[in-house]
């Protein structure tokens, strides 16, 4: 993506901003869907999911969670072996598209990735067509 952003910038300085917005919109939709999913989880998941937010970057779609106000975010997402306010530990290693860790963010990625990526690719196709007309 960094090379693509650089090529867009060589054409016009507004295109990297549009790429950054497309990345942000993708991450924001993922964060929104994850918050909805967290509402159905027990414990502190709903509260922890409030910290999910998108970040603006030209080279990636980034979702950020946790922080000083939400130190329990990762326990809510992955579970815990010791602390009872969290669900059972599911691990924190990506288990592929058919299963793996997480209670709200990672399951949302696995379930909704195709739809989100399809929409994202439409935006990138439009941006590419505008920046590099044939």
Protein backbone atom coordinates (compact mmCIF):
# COMPACT_ATOMS: atom_id res chain seq x y z
CA UNK A 1 0.00 0.00 0.00
CA UNK A 2 2.88 2.39 0.64
CA UNK A 3 3.97 2.12 -2.99
CA UNK A 4 0.41 2.68 -4.15
CA UNK A 5 0.09 5.77 -1.95
CA UNK A 6 3.38 7.08 -3.32
CA UNK A 7 2.21 6.56 -6.91
CA UNK A 8 -1.04 8.36 -6.14
CA UNK A 9 0.86 11.28 -4.65
CA UNK A 10 2.96 11.56 -7.81
CA UNK A 11 -0.25 12.09 -9.80
CA UNK A 12 -1.96 14.56 -7.45
CA UNK A 13 -1.63 15.38 -3.77
CA UNK A 14 -5.35 14.88 -3.14
CA UNK A 15 -5.28 11.16 -3.99
CA UNK A 16 -3.34 10.01 -0.90
CA UNK A 17 -5.93 11.85 1.20
CA UNK A 18 -8.69 9.92 -0.55
CA UNK A 19 -6.81 6.66 0.05
CA UNK A 20 -6.43 7.58 3.72
CA UNK A 21 -10.18 8.24 3.89
CA UNK A 22 -10.96 4.88 2.25
CA UNK A 23 -8.72 3.14 4.81
CA UNK A 24 -10.35 5.08 7.63
CA UNK A 25 -13.87 4.24 6.44
CA UNK A 26 -13.01 0.54 6.28
CA UNK A 27 -11.55 0.58 9.80
CA UNK A 28 -14.45 2.65 11.16
CA UNK A 29 -17.00 0.18 9.79
CA UNK A 30 -15.08 -2.74 11.29
CA UNK A 31 -14.96 -0.96 14.65
CA UNK A 32 -18.70 -0.23 14.47
CA UNK A 33 -19.57 -3.84 13.66
CA UNK A 34 -17.27 -5.06 16.43
CA UNK A 35 -18.97 -2.78 18.97
CA UNK A 36 -22.36 -4.18 17.93
CA UNK A 37 -21.04 -7.73 18.36
CA UNK A 38 -19.57 -6.85 21.79
CA UNK A 39 -23.03 -5.79 22.99
CA UNK A 40 -24.07 -9.45 22.96
CA UNK A 41 -21.03 -10.60 24.97
CA UNK A 42 -21.10 -10.91 28.76
CA UNK A 43 -18.76 -9.20 31.19
CA UNK A 44 -16.82 -6.08 30.30
CA UNK A 45 -16.82 -6.64 26.53
CA UNK A 46 -19.44 -3.95 25.85
CA UNK A 47 -17.57 -1.44 27.96
CA UNK A 48 -14.19 -2.36 26.43
CA UNK A 49 -15.54 -2.14 22.88
CA UNK A 50 -16.32 1.55 23.42
CA UNK A 51 -12.58 2.15 22.99
CA UNK A 52 -12.51 0.74 19.45
CA UNK A 53 -11.80 3.45 16.91
CA UNK A 54 -10.35 3.86 13.46
CA UNK A 55 -7.06 5.62 12.78
CA UNK A 56 -6.21 7.53 9.60
CA UNK A 57 -3.25 6.10 7.71
CA UNK A 58 -2.46 6.08 4.00
CA UNK A 59 -0.78 2.69 4.11
CA UNK A 60 -3.30 0.64 6.12
CA UNK A 61 -6.75 0.43 7.64
CA UNK A 62 -6.11 0.53 11.39
CA UNK A 63 -8.44 -0.23 14.31
CA UNK A 64 -7.19 0.79 17.76
CA UNK A 65 -8.60 -0.40 21.07
CA UNK A 66 -7.77 -0.17 24.74
CA UNK A 67 -5.66 2.55 26.30
CA UNK A 68 -5.40 4.05 29.78
CA UNK A 69 -9.17 4.37 30.24
CA UNK A 70 -9.76 0.79 29.04
CA UNK A 71 -6.92 -1.34 30.48
CA UNK A 72 -9.19 -4.40 30.41
CA UNK A 73 -9.71 -4.26 26.62
CA UNK A 74 -7.44 -7.19 25.75
CA UNK A 75 -8.90 -9.33 28.53
CA UNK A 76 -12.37 -8.66 27.17
CA UNK A 77 -11.27 -9.52 23.62
CA UNK A 78 -9.16 -12.63 24.31
CA UNK A 79 -10.42 -13.80 27.70
CA UNK A 80 -8.28 -14.70 30.69
CA UNK A 81 -7.12 -17.74 32.59
CA UNK A 82 -7.15 -16.10 36.00
CA UNK A 83 -9.50 -13.10 36.17
CA UNK A 84 -13.20 -13.90 36.49
CA UNK A 85 -14.47 -10.65 34.98
CA UNK A 86 -13.31 -11.97 31.60
CA UNK A 87 -14.52 -14.92 29.62
CA UNK A 88 -12.42 -18.05 29.17
CA UNK A 89 -9.01 -17.55 27.51
CA UNK A 90 -9.20 -18.18 23.77
CA UNK A 91 -5.60 -17.36 22.95
CA UNK A 92 -4.23 -14.45 21.00
CA UNK A 93 -2.82 -16.10 17.89
CA UNK A 94 -4.63 -15.78 14.58
CA UNK A 95 -6.30 -19.12 13.93
CA UNK A 96 -7.16 -18.55 10.30
CA UNK A 97 -10.48 -17.71 8.73
CA UNK A 98 -12.36 -20.66 10.18
CA UNK A 99 -11.66 -20.02 13.85
CA UNK A 100 -9.38 -18.57 16.40
CA UNK A 101 -9.16 -16.07 19.20
CA UNK A 102 -11.31 -13.19 20.24
CA UNK A 103 -14.83 -12.52 21.34
CA UNK A 104 -15.84 -9.46 19.34
CA UNK A 105 -13.10 -7.85 17.18
CA UNK A 106 -11.47 -10.94 15.69
CA UNK A 107 -14.77 -12.82 15.09
CA UNK A 108 -16.08 -9.72 13.31
CA UNK A 109 -12.99 -9.70 11.10
CA UNK A 110 -13.47 -13.39 10.27
CA UNK A 111 -17.20 -13.06 9.63
CA UNK A 112 -17.40 -9.72 7.80
CA UNK A 113 -14.04 -9.50 6.03
CA UNK A 114 -15.35 -10.42 2.59
CA UNK A 115 -18.12 -7.81 2.60
CA UNK A 116 -15.84 -5.12 4.01
CA UNK A 117 -13.03 -5.88 1.57
CA UNK A 118 -15.45 -5.94 -1.38
CA UNK A 119 -16.66 -2.44 -0.51
CA UNK A 120 -13.09 -1.27 0.08
CA UNK A 121 -11.93 -2.66 -3.27
CA UNK A 122 -14.74 -0.81 -5.05
CA UNK A 123 -13.45 2.43 -3.55
CA UNK A 124 -9.87 1.61 -4.53
CA UNK A 125 -10.99 0.76 -8.08
CA UNK A 126 -12.76 4.13 -8.35
CA UNK A 127 -9.72 5.92 -6.97
CA UNK A 128 -7.37 4.07 -9.33
CA UNK A 129 -9.60 4.78 -12.33
CA UNK A 130 -9.65 8.48 -11.46
CA UNK A 131 -5.92 8.73 -10.77
CA UNK A 132 -4.73 6.56 -13.66
CA UNK A 133 -7.26 6.88 -16.50
CA UNK A 134 -6.47 4.71 -19.47
